[in-house]
Every structure is written in structure tokens, then in C-alpha cells.
Amino acid sequence: MRTQTDRERIRRQTRKRKLRYLRRRLEKATSQAERRRIIAKIKRVSPTAPVPDL
């Protein structure tokens, strides 16, 4: 059985992994529409995370 701290740790790790993945995709994105979509996803995953401007 998982404890509350384990669940929180796993949740943080998952969020960080997803943010790293999305930032990597953002670097490779070519069109502005694609960049906007990825930035929207980043903000949804972590609203306070720093995101480069368009």
C-alpha cells in the first residue's frame, strides 16, 4: 500500500517528466500554431512553470 508521501512524490516526478518532454518538443516545434498548443499544455500541467514567450 502506498503512503500519501509516496503518491505526492510520484505525482511530482510524473509532472516533471512530462514538462521535460513538452519543453523538448517546444524546442523542436517549427510552426507558431504548434508552439501555442505545446505552451498551452505546459501551462495546464504546471501553471507556475516558466514558459518561453512566443
N, C-alpha and C. Protein backbone atom coordinates (compact mmCIF):
# COMPACT_ATOMS: atom_id res chain seq x y z
N MET A 1 0.83 -1.18 0.00
CA MET A 1 0.00 0.00 0.00
C MET A 1 0.89 1.25 0.00
N ARG A 2 0.49 2.24 -0.78
CA ARG A 2 1.28 3.46 -0.89
C ARG A 2 0.87 4.48 0.17
N THR A 3 1.83 5.21 0.66
CA THR A 3 1.52 6.26 1.61
C THR A 3 1.27 7.56 0.85
N GLN A 4 0.76 8.51 1.54
CA GLN A 4 0.46 9.81 0.92
C GLN A 4 1.73 10.46 0.35
N THR A 5 2.83 10.37 1.08
CA THR A 5 4.08 10.99 0.60
C THR A 5 4.58 10.31 -0.67
N ASP A 6 4.39 8.98 -0.75
CA ASP A 6 4.78 8.27 -1.98
C ASP A 6 3.96 8.76 -3.16
N ARG A 7 2.65 8.91 -2.96
CA ARG A 7 1.78 9.37 -4.04
C ARG A 7 2.19 10.77 -4.50
N GLU A 8 2.49 11.64 -3.55
CA GLU A 8 2.89 13.01 -3.91
C GLU A 8 4.22 13.01 -4.66
N ARG A 9 5.16 12.18 -4.22
CA ARG A 9 6.47 12.10 -4.89
C ARG A 9 6.31 11.60 -6.32
N ILE A 10 5.52 10.56 -6.48
CA ILE A 10 5.29 10.01 -7.82
C ILE A 10 4.60 11.03 -8.71
N ARG A 11 3.66 11.76 -8.15
CA ARG A 11 2.94 12.79 -8.92
C ARG A 11 3.90 13.89 -9.37
N ARG A 12 4.79 14.33 -8.46
CA ARG A 12 5.78 15.36 -8.81
C ARG A 12 6.72 14.86 -9.90
N GLN A 13 7.19 13.63 -9.76
CA GLN A 13 8.10 13.06 -10.75
C GLN A 13 7.44 12.98 -12.12
N THR A 14 6.19 12.55 -12.14
CA THR A 14 5.45 12.44 -13.41
C THR A 14 5.30 13.81 -14.05
N ARG A 15 4.95 14.81 -13.24
CA ARG A 15 4.77 16.16 -13.78
C ARG A 15 6.08 16.70 -14.34
N LYS A 16 7.19 16.49 -13.62
CA LYS A 16 8.49 16.97 -14.10
C LYS A 16 8.89 16.27 -15.39
N ARG A 17 8.64 14.97 -15.46
CA ARG A 17 8.97 14.21 -16.67
C ARG A 17 8.16 14.73 -17.86
N LYS A 18 6.89 14.99 -17.63
CA LYS A 18 6.03 15.49 -18.71
C LYS A 18 6.47 16.89 -19.14
N LEU A 19 6.85 17.74 -18.17
CA LEU A 19 7.31 19.09 -18.51
C LEU A 19 8.60 19.03 -19.33
N ARG A 20 9.53 18.14 -18.95
CA ARG A 20 10.76 17.99 -19.72
C ARG A 20 10.46 17.57 -21.15
N TYR A 21 9.54 16.63 -21.29
CA TYR A 21 9.15 16.14 -22.61
C TYR A 21 8.54 17.26 -23.45
N LEU A 22 7.64 18.05 -22.84
CA LEU A 22 6.98 19.13 -23.57
C LEU A 22 7.96 20.24 -23.93
N ARG A 23 8.90 20.55 -23.04
CA ARG A 23 9.89 21.59 -23.35
C ARG A 23 10.79 21.15 -24.51
N ARG A 24 11.14 19.86 -24.53
CA ARG A 24 11.93 19.34 -25.64
C ARG A 24 11.16 19.46 -26.95
N ARG A 25 9.87 19.14 -26.90
CA ARG A 25 9.04 19.27 -28.10
C ARG A 25 8.92 20.72 -28.53
N LEU A 26 8.86 21.62 -27.54
CA LEU A 26 8.75 23.05 -27.85
C LEU A 26 10.00 23.55 -28.58
N GLU A 27 11.16 23.05 -28.19
CA GLU A 27 12.41 23.45 -28.87
C GLU A 27 12.40 23.02 -30.34
N LYS A 28 11.82 21.86 -30.62
CA LYS A 28 11.82 21.33 -31.98
C LYS A 28 10.65 21.83 -32.82
N ALA A 29 9.68 22.48 -32.18
CA ALA A 29 8.49 22.93 -32.90
C ALA A 29 8.86 23.99 -33.93
N THR A 30 8.24 23.91 -35.09
CA THR A 30 8.56 24.84 -36.17
C THR A 30 7.46 25.89 -36.35
N SER A 31 6.21 25.47 -36.34
CA SER A 31 5.13 26.44 -36.61
C SER A 31 4.65 27.10 -35.31
N GLN A 32 4.12 28.30 -35.46
CA GLN A 32 3.61 29.04 -34.30
C GLN A 32 2.41 28.34 -33.68
N ALA A 33 1.55 27.74 -34.52
CA ALA A 33 0.37 27.04 -34.00
C ALA A 33 0.78 25.88 -33.11
N GLU A 34 1.79 25.14 -33.54
CA GLU A 34 2.27 24.01 -32.75
C GLU A 34 2.87 24.51 -31.43
N ARG A 35 3.63 25.59 -31.49
CA ARG A 35 4.23 26.17 -30.28
C ARG A 35 3.14 26.59 -29.29
N ARG A 36 2.09 27.23 -29.81
CA ARG A 36 0.98 27.66 -28.94
C ARG A 36 0.32 26.48 -28.25
N ARG A 37 0.10 25.40 -29.00
CA ARG A 37 -0.53 24.20 -28.43
C ARG A 37 0.33 23.61 -27.32
N ILE A 38 1.64 23.52 -27.56
CA ILE A 38 2.54 22.94 -26.57
C ILE A 38 2.61 23.82 -25.33
N ILE A 39 2.67 25.14 -25.52
CA ILE A 39 2.70 26.06 -24.38
C ILE A 39 1.42 25.94 -23.56
N ALA A 40 0.28 25.78 -24.23
CA ALA A 40 -0.99 25.60 -23.51
C ALA A 40 -0.94 24.33 -22.67
N LYS A 41 -0.35 23.26 -23.20
CA LYS A 41 -0.24 22.01 -22.45
C LYS A 41 0.68 22.19 -21.24
N ILE A 42 1.78 22.91 -21.44
CA ILE A 42 2.72 23.14 -20.33
C ILE A 42 1.99 23.89 -19.22
N LYS A 43 1.24 24.91 -19.58
CA LYS A 43 0.52 25.70 -18.57
C LYS A 43 -0.55 24.87 -17.86
N ARG A 44 -1.15 23.93 -18.57
CA ARG A 44 -2.15 23.05 -17.97
C ARG A 44 -1.50 22.11 -16.97
N VAL A 45 -0.32 21.59 -17.31
CA VAL A 45 0.38 20.65 -16.43
C VAL A 45 0.90 21.36 -15.19
N SER A 46 1.52 22.54 -15.41
CA SER A 46 2.09 23.27 -14.29
C SER A 46 1.93 24.77 -14.54
N PRO A 47 0.89 25.39 -14.00
CA PRO A 47 0.59 26.80 -14.27
C PRO A 47 1.70 27.78 -13.87
N THR A 48 2.50 27.41 -12.87
CA THR A 48 3.52 28.35 -12.40
C THR A 48 4.87 28.13 -13.06
N ALA A 49 4.99 27.10 -13.89
CA ALA A 49 6.27 26.79 -14.54
C ALA A 49 6.63 27.88 -15.54
N PRO A 50 7.90 28.28 -15.59
CA PRO A 50 8.31 29.29 -16.56
C PRO A 50 8.23 28.74 -17.98
N VAL A 51 7.64 29.53 -18.89
CA VAL A 51 7.48 29.12 -20.28
C VAL A 51 8.04 30.23 -21.16
N PRO A 52 8.86 29.90 -22.15
CA PRO A 52 9.36 30.93 -23.03
C PRO A 52 8.23 31.58 -23.82
N ASP A 53 8.36 32.86 -24.13
CA ASP A 53 7.33 33.57 -24.88
C ASP A 53 7.32 33.12 -26.32
N LEU A 54 6.23 33.45 -26.99
CA LEU A 54 6.09 33.08 -28.42
C LEU A 54 7.02 33.82 -29.29
